[in-house]
Amino acid sequence: MRGWDDGEVDGPQPVLGRGSETKLKQLSLRMGEDEMTTMFSGGVCFWFIVLRDFLFTFSAFTLVSCVFFSFAAYANREADTSNERLGGLARGSLGAILLWAEGKYKADTITDSDKSRVLGLVCLDTALMFVLLAVTWFHYRRKDAVKEKVDVQTVTVDDYSIKVTKLKP
């Protein structure tokens, strides 16, 4: 007799889909909100909306941040930062720029161009944070509308319930 620990059990193993009359429906990536609200609950619909919006937001952030990544690469080259001192993902982060700025400060070679680059980086970071705040606020305001839309398009027990209030004991 074979046991569970070696990965086998007695008898045939069921195979999903074989002999089954029920076909699973594949969901389209292009499914709109109207179709989604008829298939899923309000929380699931809202989760998909949030995921979609943040996917687009952070993709745009990545494209816009190419300026930052090129500045980090420039800072690594200028400061001659070694992999031992700053390795991995830190080479494309603010750490590289801080090491570059420290070297420029110690050598007293900070130029107006350097100040403008760092100011541009701070402005970019501030703008991205305001965009993130706006997207989050938009989702906060939109949450109840999605819940109402799902409630209108689906039939639940609440649709056949009566709420009685202010009854005397």
Foldseek 3Di string as FASTA:
>chain_A
DDDPVVPDDPDDDDDPPPPDPDDDDDDDPPDDLLVVLLPDALVVSLVVVLVVVVVVLVVVLVVVCVLQQVVLQVLCVQLVDDCVRANDPRSRDVVSVVSSVVVCVVVVNDDPVNVVSVVVVVVSVVVSVVVVVVSVVVSVVCSVVSNVSSVVNYDDVVVVDDDDDDDDD
